[in-house]
Amino acid sequence: MDREEVIARIVFVAQSYGLPPEAMVALAYHESRLNPNCVGDNGESIGLFQIQRIGSTYESVKTLAKWAGRDPYKLNLNNPTTSAILACIGHRQGYGHWWHAWVNVPAELRPPREHFMWRHAPSGWLGFP
């Protein structure tokens, strides 16, 4: 899958969840350089948004899959659409799970602190004043 198709999938999913597409693309770029096959954190983080797999220290895929109504044991985290859905559902829930990555996304692309996607995220997590 080429880069334009990956971006198109992120944009479609972000718009479906009411999130700013350019911000979600920037976040995926920071996390994986838009490579759906990216593996990080010594094999614990997978795909575009570097979601922690089953059996990792944090197992974030279980929480995200629950919110999305999906079985975490049947998810392909290398699938760009699946990765985008899980990332967007986490942000839609208002937790901003990617706090460590958002601070590296250019400020002009980050949604403002008052955006609903941060409603449960402590401000210190996100690098906002």
N, C-alpha and C. Protein backbone atom coordinates (compact mmCIF):
# COMPACT_ATOMS: atom_id res chain seq x y z
N MET A 1 0.84 -1.17 0.00
CA MET A 1 0.00 0.00 0.00
C MET A 1 0.90 1.24 0.00
N ASP A 2 0.59 2.18 -0.88
CA ASP A 2 1.44 3.36 -0.96
C ASP A 2 1.03 4.42 0.08
N ARG A 3 1.90 5.37 0.25
CA ARG A 3 1.74 6.41 1.26
C ARG A 3 0.43 7.19 1.12
N GLU A 4 0.04 7.49 -0.12
CA GLU A 4 -1.19 8.26 -0.35
C GLU A 4 -2.42 7.48 0.12
N GLU A 5 -2.41 6.17 -0.10
CA GLU A 5 -3.54 5.34 0.36
C GLU A 5 -3.58 5.28 1.88
N VAL A 6 -2.42 5.18 2.52
CA VAL A 6 -2.35 5.18 3.98
C VAL A 6 -2.93 6.49 4.52
N ILE A 7 -2.51 7.60 3.95
CA ILE A 7 -3.01 8.91 4.39
C ILE A 7 -4.52 9.00 4.16
N ALA A 8 -4.99 8.53 3.01
CA ALA A 8 -6.42 8.58 2.72
C ALA A 8 -7.24 7.79 3.74
N ARG A 9 -6.72 6.66 4.16
CA ARG A 9 -7.43 5.86 5.17
C ARG A 9 -7.47 6.58 6.52
N ILE A 10 -6.36 7.17 6.92
CA ILE A 10 -6.33 7.92 8.18
C ILE A 10 -7.32 9.08 8.12
N VAL A 11 -7.30 9.81 7.03
CA VAL A 11 -8.19 10.96 6.86
C VAL A 11 -9.65 10.51 6.94
N PHE A 12 -10.00 9.45 6.22
CA PHE A 12 -11.38 8.95 6.23
C PHE A 12 -11.83 8.58 7.64
N VAL A 13 -10.99 7.82 8.35
CA VAL A 13 -11.35 7.38 9.70
C VAL A 13 -11.43 8.58 10.64
N ALA A 14 -10.46 9.47 10.58
CA ALA A 14 -10.48 10.66 11.45
C ALA A 14 -11.75 11.47 11.24
N GLN A 15 -12.12 11.69 9.99
CA GLN A 15 -13.34 12.45 9.70
C GLN A 15 -14.56 11.71 10.23
N SER A 16 -14.57 10.39 10.13
CA SER A 16 -15.69 9.60 10.63
C SER A 16 -15.87 9.74 12.14
N TYR A 17 -14.78 9.94 12.84
CA TYR A 17 -14.83 10.09 14.30
C TYR A 17 -14.85 11.56 14.74
N GLY A 18 -14.92 12.47 13.79
CA GLY A 18 -14.99 13.89 14.14
C GLY A 18 -13.68 14.46 14.66
N LEU A 19 -12.57 13.87 14.24
CA LEU A 19 -11.25 14.33 14.66
C LEU A 19 -10.57 15.06 13.52
N PRO A 20 -9.66 15.98 13.83
CA PRO A 20 -8.96 16.70 12.76
C PRO A 20 -8.03 15.79 11.98
N PRO A 21 -8.33 15.55 10.70
CA PRO A 21 -7.54 14.61 9.91
C PRO A 21 -6.06 14.96 9.84
N GLU A 22 -5.74 16.24 9.65
CA GLU A 22 -4.33 16.62 9.53
C GLU A 22 -3.56 16.33 10.82
N ALA A 23 -4.23 16.44 11.96
CA ALA A 23 -3.59 16.13 13.23
C ALA A 23 -3.34 14.64 13.37
N MET A 24 -4.30 13.83 12.97
CA MET A 24 -4.13 12.39 13.08
C MET A 24 -3.07 11.88 12.10
N VAL A 25 -2.99 12.47 10.92
CA VAL A 25 -1.93 12.10 9.97
C VAL A 25 -0.56 12.48 10.57
N ALA A 26 -0.48 13.66 11.17
CA ALA A 26 0.79 14.11 11.77
C ALA A 26 1.19 13.18 12.91
N LEU A 27 0.22 12.74 13.70
CA LEU A 27 0.52 11.82 14.80
C LEU A 27 1.03 10.48 14.26
N ALA A 28 0.36 9.96 13.24
CA ALA A 28 0.82 8.69 12.64
C ALA A 28 2.21 8.85 12.04
N TYR A 29 2.46 10.00 11.43
CA TYR A 29 3.79 10.24 10.86
C TYR A 29 4.84 10.21 11.97
N HIS A 30 4.55 10.86 13.09
CA HIS A 30 5.52 10.85 14.18
C HIS A 30 5.73 9.43 14.72
N GLU A 31 4.65 8.69 14.85
CA GLU A 31 4.74 7.35 15.45
C GLU A 31 5.42 6.33 14.55
N SER A 32 5.14 6.38 13.24
CA SER A 32 5.60 5.30 12.37
C SER A 32 6.17 5.75 11.03
N ARG A 33 6.23 7.07 10.81
CA ARG A 33 6.60 7.60 9.49
C ARG A 33 5.65 7.07 8.41
N LEU A 34 4.39 6.81 8.85
CA LEU A 34 3.31 6.33 7.98
C LEU A 34 3.58 4.94 7.41
N ASN A 35 4.34 4.14 8.15
CA ASN A 35 4.65 2.77 7.76
C ASN A 35 3.75 1.82 8.55
N PRO A 36 2.74 1.20 7.91
CA PRO A 36 1.83 0.31 8.63
C PRO A 36 2.52 -0.92 9.22
N ASN A 37 3.70 -1.24 8.75
CA ASN A 37 4.42 -2.41 9.25
C ASN A 37 5.46 -2.07 10.31
N CYS A 38 5.43 -0.85 10.79
CA CYS A 38 6.39 -0.39 11.79
C CYS A 38 6.20 -1.17 13.10
N VAL A 39 7.32 -1.55 13.71
CA VAL A 39 7.32 -2.23 15.00
C VAL A 39 8.29 -1.46 15.89
N GLY A 40 7.83 -1.11 17.08
CA GLY A 40 8.68 -0.35 18.00
C GLY A 40 8.63 -0.91 19.40
N ASP A 41 9.32 -0.24 20.30
CA ASP A 41 9.34 -0.63 21.71
C ASP A 41 9.68 -2.11 21.89
N ASN A 42 10.73 -2.55 21.22
CA ASN A 42 11.19 -3.94 21.31
C ASN A 42 10.08 -4.94 20.98
N GLY A 43 9.27 -4.61 19.96
CA GLY A 43 8.23 -5.51 19.50
C GLY A 43 6.89 -5.34 20.17
N GLU A 44 6.77 -4.41 21.11
CA GLU A 44 5.52 -4.23 21.83
C GLU A 44 4.53 -3.31 21.13
N SER A 45 4.98 -2.43 20.25
CA SER A 45 4.11 -1.46 19.60
C SER A 45 4.09 -1.73 18.10
N ILE A 46 2.88 -1.72 17.54
CA ILE A 46 2.69 -2.19 16.17
C ILE A 46 1.93 -1.16 15.34
N GLY A 47 2.31 -1.02 14.07
CA GLY A 47 1.52 -0.30 13.09
C GLY A 47 1.66 1.21 13.08
N LEU A 48 0.74 1.84 12.35
CA LEU A 48 0.80 3.29 12.12
C LEU A 48 0.84 4.11 13.40
N PHE A 49 0.03 3.72 14.37
CA PHE A 49 -0.07 4.50 15.61
C PHE A 49 0.65 3.83 16.78
N GLN A 50 1.43 2.79 16.48
CA GLN A 50 2.25 2.11 17.48
C GLN A 50 1.42 1.69 18.70
N ILE A 51 0.37 0.94 18.42
CA ILE A 51 -0.52 0.45 19.47
C ILE A 51 0.10 -0.78 20.12
N GLN A 52 0.08 -0.81 21.46
CA GLN A 52 0.67 -1.95 22.16
C GLN A 52 -0.16 -3.20 21.92
N ARG A 53 0.55 -4.26 21.58
CA ARG A 53 -0.07 -5.54 21.24
C ARG A 53 -0.50 -6.30 22.49
N ILE A 54 -1.26 -7.36 22.28
CA ILE A 54 -1.63 -8.28 23.36
C ILE A 54 -0.34 -8.86 23.92
N GLY A 55 -0.21 -8.88 25.23
CA GLY A 55 0.96 -9.44 25.88
C GLY A 55 2.06 -8.42 26.15
N SER A 56 1.86 -7.16 25.71
CA SER A 56 2.86 -6.15 26.00
C SER A 56 2.67 -5.65 27.44
N THR A 57 3.52 -4.78 27.85
CA THR A 57 3.45 -4.24 29.21
C THR A 57 2.11 -3.56 29.47
N TYR A 58 1.62 -2.81 28.50
CA TYR A 58 0.41 -2.01 28.71
C TYR A 58 -0.84 -2.62 28.10
N GLU A 59 -0.71 -3.40 27.04
CA GLU A 59 -1.83 -4.04 26.36
C GLU A 59 -2.94 -3.06 26.02
N SER A 60 -2.58 -1.90 25.50
CA SER A 60 -3.59 -0.90 25.18
C SER A 60 -4.59 -1.38 24.14
N VAL A 61 -4.22 -2.36 23.34
CA VAL A 61 -5.13 -2.86 22.32
C VAL A 61 -6.41 -3.40 22.95
N LYS A 62 -6.33 -3.96 24.14
CA LYS A 62 -7.54 -4.50 24.77
C LYS A 62 -8.54 -3.39 25.08
N THR A 63 -8.09 -2.30 25.65
CA THR A 63 -8.98 -1.19 25.98
C THR A 63 -9.54 -0.56 24.72
N LEU A 64 -8.67 -0.29 23.74
CA LEU A 64 -9.12 0.34 22.50
C LEU A 64 -10.10 -0.56 21.76
N ALA A 65 -9.83 -1.86 21.71
CA ALA A 65 -10.73 -2.79 21.03
C ALA A 65 -12.08 -2.85 21.73
N LYS A 66 -12.07 -2.82 23.05
CA LYS A 66 -13.32 -2.82 23.81
C LYS A 66 -14.16 -1.59 23.44
N TRP A 67 -13.54 -0.42 23.42
CA TRP A 67 -14.25 0.80 23.07
C TRP A 67 -14.79 0.75 21.65
N ALA A 68 -14.06 0.08 20.76
CA ALA A 68 -14.46 0.00 19.35
C ALA A 68 -15.41 -1.18 19.09
N GLY A 69 -15.68 -1.99 20.13
CA GLY A 69 -16.55 -3.14 19.95
C GLY A 69 -15.92 -4.25 19.13
N ARG A 70 -14.60 -4.40 19.24
CA ARG A 70 -13.86 -5.40 18.46
C ARG A 70 -13.18 -6.40 19.40
N ASP A 71 -12.90 -7.58 18.87
CA ASP A 71 -12.17 -8.61 19.61
C ASP A 71 -10.68 -8.33 19.47
N PRO A 72 -9.98 -8.03 20.56
CA PRO A 72 -8.56 -7.68 20.44
C PRO A 72 -7.69 -8.82 19.93
N TYR A 73 -8.16 -10.04 20.05
CA TYR A 73 -7.38 -11.19 19.61
C TYR A 73 -7.51 -11.43 18.11
N LYS A 74 -8.41 -10.71 17.46
CA LYS A 74 -8.62 -10.89 16.03
C LYS A 74 -8.20 -9.68 15.22
N LEU A 75 -7.56 -8.72 15.85
CA LEU A 75 -7.17 -7.48 15.17
C LEU A 75 -5.81 -7.62 14.50
N ASN A 76 -5.70 -7.05 13.32
CA ASN A 76 -4.42 -6.95 12.64
C ASN A 76 -3.93 -5.52 12.81
N LEU A 77 -3.00 -5.30 13.72
CA LEU A 77 -2.52 -3.95 14.01
C LEU A 77 -1.68 -3.36 12.88
N ASN A 78 -1.31 -4.19 11.90
CA ASN A 78 -0.59 -3.68 10.73
C ASN A 78 -1.54 -3.15 9.66
N ASN A 79 -2.83 -3.39 9.83
CA ASN A 79 -3.81 -2.89 8.88
C ASN A 79 -4.01 -1.39 9.16
N PRO A 80 -3.76 -0.53 8.18
CA PRO A 80 -3.86 0.92 8.42
C PRO A 80 -5.24 1.38 8.89
N THR A 81 -6.29 0.77 8.37
CA THR A 81 -7.64 1.16 8.78
C THR A 81 -7.88 0.76 10.23
N THR A 82 -7.50 -0.45 10.59
CA THR A 82 -7.66 -0.92 11.97
C THR A 82 -6.89 -0.04 12.93
N SER A 83 -5.65 0.25 12.60
CA SER A 83 -4.81 1.10 13.45
C SER A 83 -5.43 2.48 13.63
N ALA A 84 -5.92 3.06 12.53
CA ALA A 84 -6.53 4.38 12.59
C ALA A 84 -7.81 4.36 13.42
N ILE A 85 -8.62 3.32 13.25
CA ILE A 85 -9.86 3.22 14.05
C ILE A 85 -9.53 3.16 15.53
N LEU A 86 -8.58 2.33 15.91
CA LEU A 86 -8.23 2.21 17.32
C LEU A 86 -7.68 3.52 17.88
N ALA A 87 -6.82 4.19 17.11
CA ALA A 87 -6.28 5.48 17.56
C ALA A 87 -7.39 6.52 17.68
N CYS A 88 -8.28 6.55 16.73
CA CYS A 88 -9.35 7.55 16.75
C CYS A 88 -10.37 7.26 17.84
N ILE A 89 -10.67 5.99 18.08
CA ILE A 89 -11.62 5.68 19.15
C ILE A 89 -11.04 6.07 20.50
N GLY A 90 -9.74 5.88 20.69
CA GLY A 90 -9.10 6.32 21.93
C GLY A 90 -9.20 7.82 22.12
N HIS A 91 -8.98 8.55 21.06
CA HIS A 91 -9.09 10.01 21.14
C HIS A 91 -10.54 10.45 21.26
N ARG A 92 -11.44 9.76 20.61
CA ARG A 92 -12.86 10.08 20.69
C ARG A 92 -13.36 9.90 22.12
N GLN A 93 -12.81 8.93 22.83
CA GLN A 93 -13.16 8.71 24.22
C GLN A 93 -12.61 9.81 25.12
N GLY A 94 -11.68 10.60 24.59
CA GLY A 94 -11.20 11.75 25.33
C GLY A 94 -9.96 11.54 26.17
N TYR A 95 -9.19 10.53 25.84
CA TYR A 95 -8.01 10.25 26.67
C TYR A 95 -6.69 10.72 26.09
N GLY A 96 -6.59 10.92 24.80
CA GLY A 96 -5.33 11.40 24.23
C GLY A 96 -4.16 10.50 24.58
N HIS A 97 -4.33 9.20 24.40
CA HIS A 97 -3.33 8.20 24.82
C HIS A 97 -1.92 8.46 24.30
N TRP A 98 -1.78 9.16 23.22
CA TRP A 98 -0.46 9.34 22.62
C TRP A 98 0.21 10.59 23.15
N TRP A 99 0.10 10.86 24.43
CA TRP A 99 0.62 12.08 25.06
C TRP A 99 2.09 12.29 24.73
N HIS A 100 2.89 11.24 24.77
CA HIS A 100 4.33 11.37 24.52
C HIS A 100 4.62 11.76 23.08
N ALA A 101 3.73 11.39 22.16
CA ALA A 101 3.94 11.70 20.75
C ALA A 101 3.37 13.06 20.38
N TRP A 102 2.24 13.44 20.98
CA TRP A 102 1.62 14.71 20.63
C TRP A 102 2.56 15.88 20.86
N VAL A 103 3.40 15.82 21.87
CA VAL A 103 4.30 16.95 22.13
C VAL A 103 5.33 17.12 21.02
N ASN A 104 5.49 16.09 20.17
CA ASN A 104 6.43 16.17 19.05
C ASN A 104 5.75 16.52 17.73
N VAL A 105 4.43 16.61 17.75
CA VAL A 105 3.68 17.03 16.56
C VAL A 105 3.69 18.56 16.56
N PRO A 106 3.95 19.18 15.42
CA PRO A 106 3.98 20.65 15.39
C PRO A 106 2.73 21.26 16.02
N ALA A 107 2.93 22.28 16.83
CA ALA A 107 1.83 22.90 17.58
C ALA A 107 0.68 23.33 16.68
N GLU A 108 0.99 23.78 15.48
CA GLU A 108 -0.09 24.25 14.60
C GLU A 108 -0.96 23.10 14.08
N LEU A 109 -0.51 21.86 14.22
CA LEU A 109 -1.30 20.70 13.80
C LEU A 109 -2.05 20.04 14.96
N ARG A 110 -1.64 20.34 16.19
CA ARG A 110 -2.30 19.75 17.35
C ARG A 110 -3.66 20.40 17.58
N PRO A 111 -4.67 19.60 17.90
CA PRO A 111 -5.94 20.20 18.29
C PRO A 111 -5.74 21.01 19.57
N PRO A 112 -6.51 22.07 19.77
CA PRO A 112 -6.35 22.88 20.97
C PRO A 112 -6.72 22.10 22.24
N ARG A 113 -6.20 22.54 23.35
CA ARG A 113 -6.41 21.86 24.64
C ARG A 113 -7.90 21.68 24.95
N GLU A 114 -8.74 22.61 24.51
CA GLU A 114 -10.17 22.51 24.83
C GLU A 114 -10.93 21.53 23.91
N HIS A 115 -10.24 20.94 22.92
CA HIS A 115 -10.89 19.97 22.03
C HIS A 115 -11.35 18.76 22.84
N PHE A 116 -12.51 18.21 22.49
CA PHE A 116 -13.08 17.08 23.24
C PHE A 116 -12.14 15.89 23.34
N MET A 117 -11.20 15.75 22.40
CA MET A 117 -10.35 14.57 22.42
C MET A 117 -9.40 14.53 23.62
N TRP A 118 -9.30 15.63 24.37
CA TRP A 118 -8.42 15.66 25.54
C TRP A 118 -9.20 15.67 26.86
N ARG A 119 -10.50 15.50 26.83
CA ARG A 119 -11.30 15.75 28.03
C ARG A 119 -10.88 14.98 29.27
N HIS A 120 -10.29 13.81 29.14
CA HIS A 120 -9.84 13.04 30.31
C HIS A 120 -8.32 13.03 30.48
N ALA A 121 -7.61 13.66 29.56
CA ALA A 121 -6.14 13.62 29.60
C ALA A 121 -5.61 14.72 30.52
N PRO A 122 -4.78 14.37 31.48
CA PRO A 122 -4.16 15.42 32.31
C PRO A 122 -3.33 16.35 31.45
N SER A 123 -3.42 17.64 31.69
CA SER A 123 -2.74 18.61 30.83
C SER A 123 -1.23 18.39 30.79
N GLY A 124 -0.64 17.92 31.87
CA GLY A 124 0.79 17.65 31.89
C GLY A 124 1.21 16.59 30.90
N TRP A 125 0.30 15.69 30.55
CA TRP A 125 0.61 14.66 29.57
C TRP A 125 0.86 15.23 28.20
N LEU A 126 0.19 16.29 27.88
CA LEU A 126 0.12 16.75 26.49
C LEU A 126 1.04 17.91 26.17
N GLY A 127 1.74 18.43 27.14
CA GLY A 127 2.65 19.53 26.86
C GLY A 127 1.95 20.85 26.63
N PHE A 128 0.68 20.95 27.07
CA PHE A 128 -0.04 22.21 26.95
C PHE A 128 0.27 23.05 28.19
N PRO A 129 0.23 24.36 28.03
CA PRO A 129 0.45 25.21 29.22
C PRO A 129 -0.68 25.08 30.21
